[in-house]
Amino acid sequence: MSDGVVIGAGEAPPILTELHRGDVLESAHRGDVAVVGAGGKLIASLGNPNRLVTLRSAIKPFTAVAVLLAATQAGIEIDDVSLALSSASHAGADEHVAVARAMIAAHGLDPELLVHGRPSPLRAGSAGDLLQHMCSGQHLSLLLLAKALGVDARGYDDYAHPVQQRLRAVVGALLSVNLDAAPWGVDGCAIPTYAVPLRTAAEGARRWAHPNDAEVPSELRGALTRVRAAAIANPRLISGGGFLDTDLIRGGEGEVVSKQGAEGLCLVGAPGIGLAVKTEDGDGAARSGRVATVAALAAVGAAVASASSLDLHRTVRLPDPRGGEPLATLRPSAAFDALRR
């Protein structure tokens, strides 16, 4: 991690998106972009591709690999919808809760051990059901990981717990980093989250999209292939209708994977490339990251950028409550011209 640069250090990153209200440039969002190609080579970037970022929920497809490997070794079968939900930051819709309940029933899991808490009642459509929490699929998979390892699941959120040790080992191998030496903190769902350079996160996305790539350790390829296939077959389980991850996977025609993390991190794996976008201000309104991600994909010539499923993410229009024309529009800045190859 010594080559990473922390947020706020060095020069300010470029402006990635701008919010225009009438004739006024009202807001601007800065950020960094890293695009890697074969062998993890950096092929394009904006700002600092070595900026340290916490992986947050973007790590979920990689933790699903650790769970699947341990379950397979223990003779436990996991179906594809459970793998997809294990990789998800879902909307808490009925379709997501149904899979979570099926995981509990199929594997004898105890939801009372979940540490992520209940979703905010302010979330649209949320009744505060424990399993509506966006991280319930991943956390249920961690209970399953404890079962596969033959250890008590209580305290699975502790950095020293065998579950967390196994996650660091497998995810570290998948990303080719030593997560035991990585800076870390506690995620919003109460489990450890680790920091890596942005370009490393991009390479993780590229490997997820190319599970048989030479850079992927051979012992992880089978599990990574299944996690990839599960996401592609079940895009609505990864997030939900109208969300960037679901719409990118839908538009990718079986070749694109995508996973966002909190604080403005977006990862995409597409044919030949891995992309990571980090909005420096954390993108609290969940607008800048998706606009910047689609703009970056278009700039580097990714075919998925033209998919109709992404039409709502190319720009974000803030509606007029009276039903008139949008009052403001968030759109990409001119910085992406420098990303074109």
Protein backbone atom coordinates (compact mmCIF):
# COMPACT_ATOMS: atom_id res chain seq x y z
CA MET A 1 0.00 0.00 0.00
CA SER A 2 3.01 2.30 0.17
CA ASP A 3 2.43 3.56 -3.37
CA GLY A 4 -1.07 4.78 -2.53
CA VAL A 5 -1.89 8.47 -2.11
CA VAL A 6 -4.57 9.43 0.37
CA ILE A 7 -7.58 11.57 -0.48
CA GLY A 8 -6.73 15.27 -0.17
CA ALA A 9 -3.01 14.81 -0.80
CA GLY A 10 -1.27 16.31 -3.83
CA GLU A 11 -3.06 18.23 -6.54
CA ALA A 12 -6.84 18.45 -6.59
CA PRO A 13 -8.35 15.90 -8.97
CA PRO A 14 -10.11 17.11 -12.11
CA ILE A 15 -13.78 18.05 -12.22
CA LEU A 16 -15.68 15.03 -13.57
CA THR A 17 -19.28 16.24 -13.49
CA GLU A 18 -21.07 19.58 -13.36
CA LEU A 19 -24.55 20.53 -12.21
CA HIS A 20 -26.04 23.30 -14.32
CA ARG A 21 -29.14 25.16 -13.13
CA GLY A 22 -30.31 27.59 -15.77
CA ASP A 23 -27.29 29.69 -16.72
CA VAL A 24 -25.48 28.87 -13.48
CA LEU A 25 -22.81 26.23 -12.89
CA GLU A 26 -24.13 25.39 -9.44
CA SER A 27 -21.97 22.44 -8.37
CA ALA A 28 -18.92 20.55 -9.56
CA HIS A 29 -17.70 17.13 -8.49
CA ARG A 30 -14.02 16.21 -8.64
CA GLY A 31 -12.67 12.71 -8.86
CA ASP A 32 -10.16 10.21 -10.17
CA VAL A 33 -10.46 7.57 -12.89
CA ALA A 34 -8.27 4.54 -13.58
CA VAL A 35 -8.58 2.22 -16.58
CA VAL A 36 -6.47 -0.91 -16.82
CA GLY A 37 -5.97 -3.39 -19.63
CA ALA A 38 -4.22 -6.71 -20.13
CA GLY A 39 -1.87 -7.62 -17.30
CA GLY A 40 -3.28 -4.83 -15.16
CA LYS A 41 -1.42 -2.21 -17.19
CA LEU A 42 -2.73 1.31 -16.69
CA ILE A 43 -3.97 2.42 -20.11
CA ALA A 44 -5.84 5.61 -19.25
CA SER A 45 -6.50 7.79 -16.24
CA LEU A 46 -7.77 11.11 -14.96
CA GLY A 47 -6.34 12.55 -11.78
CA ASN A 48 -4.34 10.12 -9.67
CA PRO A 49 -4.84 6.39 -10.38
CA ASN A 50 -2.87 5.58 -7.22
CA ARG A 51 -5.36 7.38 -4.96
CA LEU A 52 -6.18 5.14 -1.99
CA VAL A 53 -9.84 4.16 -1.85
CA THR A 54 -11.74 2.01 0.60
CA LEU A 55 -13.38 -0.83 -1.29
CA ARG A 56 -16.61 -0.65 0.70
CA SER A 57 -19.40 -2.62 -1.01
CA ALA A 58 -17.41 -2.94 -4.23
CA ILE A 59 -15.61 -5.80 -2.47
CA LYS A 60 -18.73 -7.98 -2.31
CA PRO A 61 -18.21 -10.00 -5.52
CA PHE A 62 -14.72 -10.83 -4.27
CA THR A 63 -15.93 -11.90 -0.81
CA ALA A 64 -18.49 -14.09 -2.60
CA VAL A 65 -15.54 -15.93 -4.16
CA ALA A 66 -14.15 -16.67 -0.69
CA VAL A 67 -17.54 -17.95 0.49
CA LEU A 68 -18.03 -20.15 -2.57
CA LEU A 69 -14.57 -21.70 -2.28
CA ALA A 70 -15.03 -22.59 1.39
CA ALA A 71 -18.57 -23.88 0.84
CA THR A 72 -17.44 -26.10 -2.03
CA GLN A 73 -14.64 -27.54 0.08
CA ALA A 74 -17.16 -28.25 2.85
CA GLY A 75 -19.61 -29.93 0.46
CA ILE A 76 -22.14 -27.10 0.69
CA GLU A 77 -23.96 -26.14 -2.50
CA ILE A 78 -24.79 -22.49 -3.22
CA ASP A 79 -27.20 -21.62 -6.02
CA ASP A 80 -26.65 -18.75 -8.43
CA VAL A 81 -29.30 -16.44 -7.01
CA SER A 82 -27.68 -16.71 -3.58
CA LEU A 83 -24.29 -15.95 -5.12
CA ALA A 84 -25.75 -12.89 -6.83
CA LEU A 85 -27.30 -11.60 -3.61
CA SER A 86 -24.00 -12.28 -1.80
CA SER A 87 -22.41 -9.86 -4.29
CA ALA A 88 -25.16 -7.27 -4.00
CA SER A 89 -25.99 -3.89 -2.53
CA HIS A 90 -29.66 -4.47 -3.16
CA ALA A 91 -32.73 -2.26 -3.01
CA GLY A 92 -34.53 -4.36 -0.42
CA ALA A 93 -37.36 -5.23 -2.79
CA ASP A 94 -39.47 -8.36 -2.42
CA GLU A 95 -37.29 -10.21 -4.93
CA HIS A 96 -34.20 -9.53 -2.81
CA VAL A 97 -35.78 -10.42 0.51
CA ALA A 98 -37.13 -13.68 -0.97
CA VAL A 99 -33.62 -14.80 -1.89
CA ALA A 100 -32.31 -13.81 1.54
CA ARG A 101 -35.00 -15.88 3.22
CA ALA A 102 -34.23 -18.80 0.95
CA MET A 103 -30.55 -18.59 1.96
CA ILE A 104 -31.53 -18.76 5.62
CA ALA A 105 -33.79 -21.75 5.05
CA ALA A 106 -31.40 -23.67 2.79
CA HIS A 107 -28.37 -23.32 5.04
CA GLY A 108 -29.86 -23.09 8.53
CA LEU A 109 -28.52 -19.57 9.12
CA ASP A 110 -29.44 -17.50 12.16
CA PRO A 111 -30.44 -13.95 11.15
CA GLU A 112 -30.17 -12.86 14.78
CA LEU A 113 -26.39 -12.95 14.29
CA LEU A 114 -26.43 -10.34 11.52
CA VAL A 115 -24.61 -7.17 12.55
CA HIS A 116 -25.58 -4.79 9.74
CA GLY A 117 -28.65 -3.45 11.51
CA ARG A 118 -31.96 -2.52 9.96
CA PRO A 119 -32.37 -0.30 6.90
CA SER A 120 -33.41 3.27 7.39
CA PRO A 121 -37.21 3.62 7.39
CA LEU A 122 -36.63 6.68 5.21
CA ARG A 123 -35.50 4.49 2.31
CA ALA A 124 -38.15 4.24 -0.39
CA GLY A 125 -40.17 1.07 0.03
CA SER A 126 -38.43 0.02 3.24
CA ALA A 127 -40.49 -1.32 6.12
CA GLY A 128 -37.38 -1.67 8.27
CA ASP A 129 -37.21 -5.44 7.75
CA LEU A 130 -33.73 -6.71 8.69
CA LEU A 131 -33.39 -8.54 5.38
CA GLN A 132 -34.22 -5.39 3.43
CA HIS A 133 -30.83 -4.01 4.39
CA MET A 134 -28.75 -3.62 1.22
CA CYS A 135 -25.96 -5.76 2.68
CA SER A 136 -28.08 -8.65 3.96
CA GLY A 137 -27.00 -10.99 1.16
CA GLN A 138 -23.31 -10.50 1.82
CA HIS A 139 -23.71 -10.82 5.57
CA LEU A 140 -25.76 -14.00 5.25
CA SER A 141 -22.98 -15.36 3.05
CA LEU A 142 -20.49 -14.57 5.82
CA LEU A 143 -22.57 -16.61 8.26
CA LEU A 144 -22.40 -19.39 5.68
CA LEU A 145 -18.63 -18.92 5.43
CA ALA A 146 -18.36 -19.42 9.19
CA LYS A 147 -20.40 -22.61 8.86
CA ALA A 148 -18.17 -23.87 6.05
CA LEU A 149 -15.07 -23.14 8.12
CA GLY A 150 -16.57 -24.90 11.14
CA VAL A 151 -16.30 -21.86 13.41
CA ASP A 152 -18.77 -19.91 15.55
CA ALA A 153 -20.30 -17.14 13.44
CA ARG A 154 -20.70 -14.83 16.43
CA GLY A 155 -18.38 -11.87 16.10
CA TYR A 156 -17.84 -12.41 12.36
CA ASP A 157 -17.46 -8.65 12.07
CA ASP A 158 -14.30 -8.62 14.18
CA TYR A 159 -11.04 -8.02 12.29
CA ALA A 160 -9.45 -11.07 13.97
CA HIS A 161 -12.37 -13.45 13.40
CA PRO A 162 -11.61 -16.46 11.15
CA VAL A 163 -14.21 -15.21 8.66
CA GLN A 164 -12.38 -11.90 8.24
CA GLN A 165 -9.03 -13.64 8.08
CA ARG A 166 -10.27 -15.86 5.26
CA LEU A 167 -11.72 -12.88 3.40
CA ARG A 168 -8.42 -11.02 3.56
CA ALA A 169 -6.54 -14.07 2.30
CA VAL A 170 -8.81 -14.81 -0.65
CA VAL A 171 -9.64 -11.26 -1.68
CA GLY A 172 -5.98 -10.31 -1.28
CA ALA A 173 -4.97 -13.15 -3.59
CA LEU A 174 -7.61 -12.13 -6.10
CA LEU A 175 -6.35 -8.52 -6.12
CA SER A 176 -2.65 -9.44 -5.75
CA VAL A 177 -2.32 -7.35 -2.58
CA ASN A 178 -1.56 -8.15 1.05
CA LEU A 179 -4.73 -7.03 2.79
CA ASP A 180 -3.23 -7.90 6.18
CA ALA A 181 -0.95 -4.91 5.62
CA ALA A 182 -3.62 -2.64 4.12
CA PRO A 183 -5.09 0.38 5.87
CA TRP A 184 -8.58 -0.42 7.07
CA GLY A 185 -11.62 0.93 8.84
CA VAL A 186 -15.17 -0.16 9.60
CA ASP A 187 -17.77 -0.10 6.85
CA GLY A 188 -21.27 1.31 7.30
CA CYS A 189 -22.56 -2.24 7.73
CA ALA A 190 -20.10 -2.84 10.62
CA ILE A 191 -17.51 -5.12 9.00
CA PRO A 192 -13.90 -4.21 8.11
CA THR A 193 -13.24 -2.45 4.82
CA TYR A 194 -9.80 -2.15 3.26
CA ALA A 195 -8.01 0.52 1.23
CA VAL A 196 -6.19 -0.12 -2.05
CA PRO A 197 -4.99 2.12 -4.87
CA LEU A 198 -7.71 2.99 -7.38
CA ARG A 199 -5.92 1.17 -10.18
CA THR A 200 -5.87 -2.00 -8.05
CA ALA A 201 -9.63 -1.76 -7.68
CA ALA A 202 -9.90 -1.34 -11.46
CA GLU A 203 -7.79 -4.45 -11.95
CA GLY A 204 -10.08 -6.36 -9.60
CA ALA A 205 -13.01 -5.42 -11.83
CA ARG A 206 -11.09 -6.50 -14.93
CA ARG A 207 -10.31 -9.88 -13.38
CA TRP A 208 -13.94 -10.35 -12.37
CA ALA A 209 -14.95 -9.81 -16.01
CA HIS A 210 -12.13 -12.11 -17.21
CA PRO A 211 -11.99 -14.92 -14.63
CA ASN A 212 -9.73 -17.13 -16.75
CA ASP A 213 -7.17 -14.37 -17.23
CA ALA A 214 -3.55 -15.32 -16.55
CA GLU A 215 -3.40 -12.78 -13.70
CA VAL A 216 -6.15 -14.60 -11.76
CA PRO A 217 -4.70 -17.31 -9.48
CA SER A 218 -5.67 -20.66 -10.95
CA GLU A 219 -7.31 -21.87 -7.72
CA LEU A 220 -9.73 -18.92 -7.81
CA ARG A 221 -10.81 -19.08 -11.45
CA GLY A 222 -13.65 -21.55 -11.07
CA ALA A 223 -15.28 -19.67 -8.21
CA LEU A 224 -14.77 -16.29 -9.87
CA THR A 225 -16.36 -17.67 -13.05
CA ARG A 226 -19.46 -18.69 -11.11
CA VAL A 227 -19.71 -15.34 -9.32
CA ARG A 228 -19.44 -13.57 -12.67
CA ALA A 229 -22.08 -15.79 -14.25
CA ALA A 230 -24.44 -15.33 -11.28
CA ALA A 231 -24.28 -11.54 -11.55
CA ILE A 232 -24.81 -11.55 -15.31
CA ALA A 233 -27.77 -13.95 -15.04
CA ASN A 234 -29.39 -11.98 -12.19
CA PRO A 235 -28.64 -8.27 -12.70
CA ARG A 236 -31.66 -7.07 -10.72
CA LEU A 237 -30.40 -8.91 -7.66
CA ILE A 238 -27.11 -6.97 -7.73
CA SER A 239 -28.90 -3.68 -7.02
CA GLY A 240 -32.39 -3.27 -8.47
CA GLY A 241 -34.43 -1.58 -11.13
CA GLY A 242 -33.03 1.80 -12.19
CA PHE A 243 -29.64 1.35 -10.48
CA LEU A 244 -26.33 1.70 -12.33
CA ASP A 245 -24.95 -1.78 -11.59
CA THR A 246 -28.09 -3.53 -12.80
CA ASP A 247 -28.34 -1.38 -15.92
CA LEU A 248 -24.67 -1.83 -16.82
CA ILE A 249 -24.88 -5.60 -16.49
CA ARG A 250 -28.15 -5.66 -18.47
CA GLY A 251 -26.62 -3.55 -21.21
CA GLY A 252 -23.41 -5.54 -21.36
CA GLU A 253 -24.87 -8.50 -23.26
CA GLY A 254 -23.22 -11.05 -20.99
CA GLU A 255 -19.78 -9.43 -21.00
CA VAL A 256 -19.96 -6.67 -18.38
CA VAL A 257 -19.93 -6.72 -14.58
CA SER A 258 -20.35 -3.75 -12.30
CA LYS A 259 -20.32 -3.03 -8.58
CA GLN A 260 -20.56 0.29 -6.80
CA GLY A 261 -19.29 1.00 -3.32
CA ALA A 262 -20.19 3.78 -0.90
CA GLU A 263 -18.54 7.21 -1.02
CA GLY A 264 -18.61 7.49 -4.80
CA LEU A 265 -16.69 4.37 -5.88
CA CYS A 266 -17.76 2.62 -9.09
CA LEU A 267 -16.09 -0.48 -10.57
CA VAL A 268 -16.79 -1.93 -14.02
CA GLY A 269 -15.26 -4.89 -15.80
CA ALA A 270 -15.85 -4.93 -19.57
CA PRO A 271 -14.19 -6.70 -22.52
CA GLY A 272 -10.46 -6.00 -22.27
CA ILE A 273 -10.65 -3.42 -19.49
CA GLY A 274 -11.28 -2.70 -15.85
CA LEU A 275 -12.53 0.72 -14.77
CA ALA A 276 -12.61 2.43 -11.38
CA VAL A 277 -14.13 5.85 -10.71
CA LYS A 278 -13.93 7.64 -7.35
CA THR A 279 -15.85 10.85 -6.72
CA GLU A 280 -13.78 12.73 -4.18
CA ASP A 281 -16.65 14.32 -2.27
CA GLY A 282 -18.34 10.93 -1.70
CA ASP A 283 -21.24 11.56 -4.10
CA GLY A 284 -23.83 11.75 -1.36
CA ALA A 285 -26.65 12.30 -3.84
CA ALA A 286 -25.62 9.21 -5.85
CA ARG A 287 -25.54 11.15 -9.10
CA SER A 288 -21.99 12.07 -10.03
CA GLY A 289 -20.50 8.57 -9.93
CA ARG A 290 -22.93 7.05 -12.37
CA VAL A 291 -22.68 9.94 -14.83
CA ALA A 292 -18.87 9.87 -14.63
CA THR A 293 -18.75 6.08 -15.01
CA VAL A 294 -20.81 6.09 -18.21
CA ALA A 295 -18.76 9.01 -19.56
CA ALA A 296 -15.51 7.16 -18.82
CA LEU A 297 -16.75 4.01 -20.54
CA ALA A 298 -17.74 6.05 -23.59
CA ALA A 299 -14.39 7.84 -23.63
CA VAL A 300 -12.40 4.59 -23.74
CA GLY A 301 -14.68 3.10 -26.39
CA ALA A 302 -16.45 0.43 -24.34
CA ALA A 303 -19.41 -0.90 -26.32
CA VAL A 304 -21.67 -0.99 -23.27
CA ALA A 305 -21.59 2.82 -23.09
CA SER A 306 -24.10 2.99 -25.95
CA ALA A 307 -26.59 0.59 -24.35
CA SER A 308 -30.11 1.97 -24.03
CA SER A 309 -30.26 0.69 -20.44
CA LEU A 310 -27.83 3.49 -19.52
CA ASP A 311 -29.93 6.34 -20.87
CA LEU A 312 -30.95 7.43 -17.36
CA HIS A 313 -27.31 7.55 -16.24
CA ARG A 314 -25.64 9.57 -19.03
CA THR A 315 -26.97 12.74 -17.47
CA VAL A 316 -29.16 13.21 -14.40
CA ARG A 317 -32.03 15.65 -14.70
CA LEU A 318 -33.53 17.14 -11.55
CA PRO A 319 -37.28 17.30 -12.09
CA ASP A 320 -39.62 20.25 -11.82
CA PRO A 321 -42.27 19.38 -9.19
CA ARG A 322 -44.81 21.24 -11.36
CA GLY A 323 -44.17 18.85 -14.24
CA GLY A 324 -42.23 21.23 -16.45
CA GLU A 325 -38.76 20.94 -17.95
CA PRO A 326 -35.98 19.73 -15.62
CA LEU A 327 -34.74 22.42 -13.27
CA ALA A 328 -31.09 21.32 -13.38
CA THR A 329 -28.90 18.82 -15.17
CA LEU A 330 -25.80 16.96 -14.03
CA ARG A 331 -23.57 16.09 -16.95
CA PRO A 332 -19.97 15.04 -17.63
CA SER A 333 -17.28 17.70 -17.78
CA ALA A 334 -14.84 18.20 -20.63
CA ALA A 335 -12.20 16.29 -18.64
CA PHE A 336 -13.22 13.05 -20.33
CA ASP A 337 -11.87 14.32 -23.65
CA ALA A 338 -8.41 13.62 -22.23
CA LEU A 339 -9.39 10.01 -21.54
CA ARG A 340 -10.19 9.18 -25.14
CA ARG A 341 -7.79 6.77 -26.78
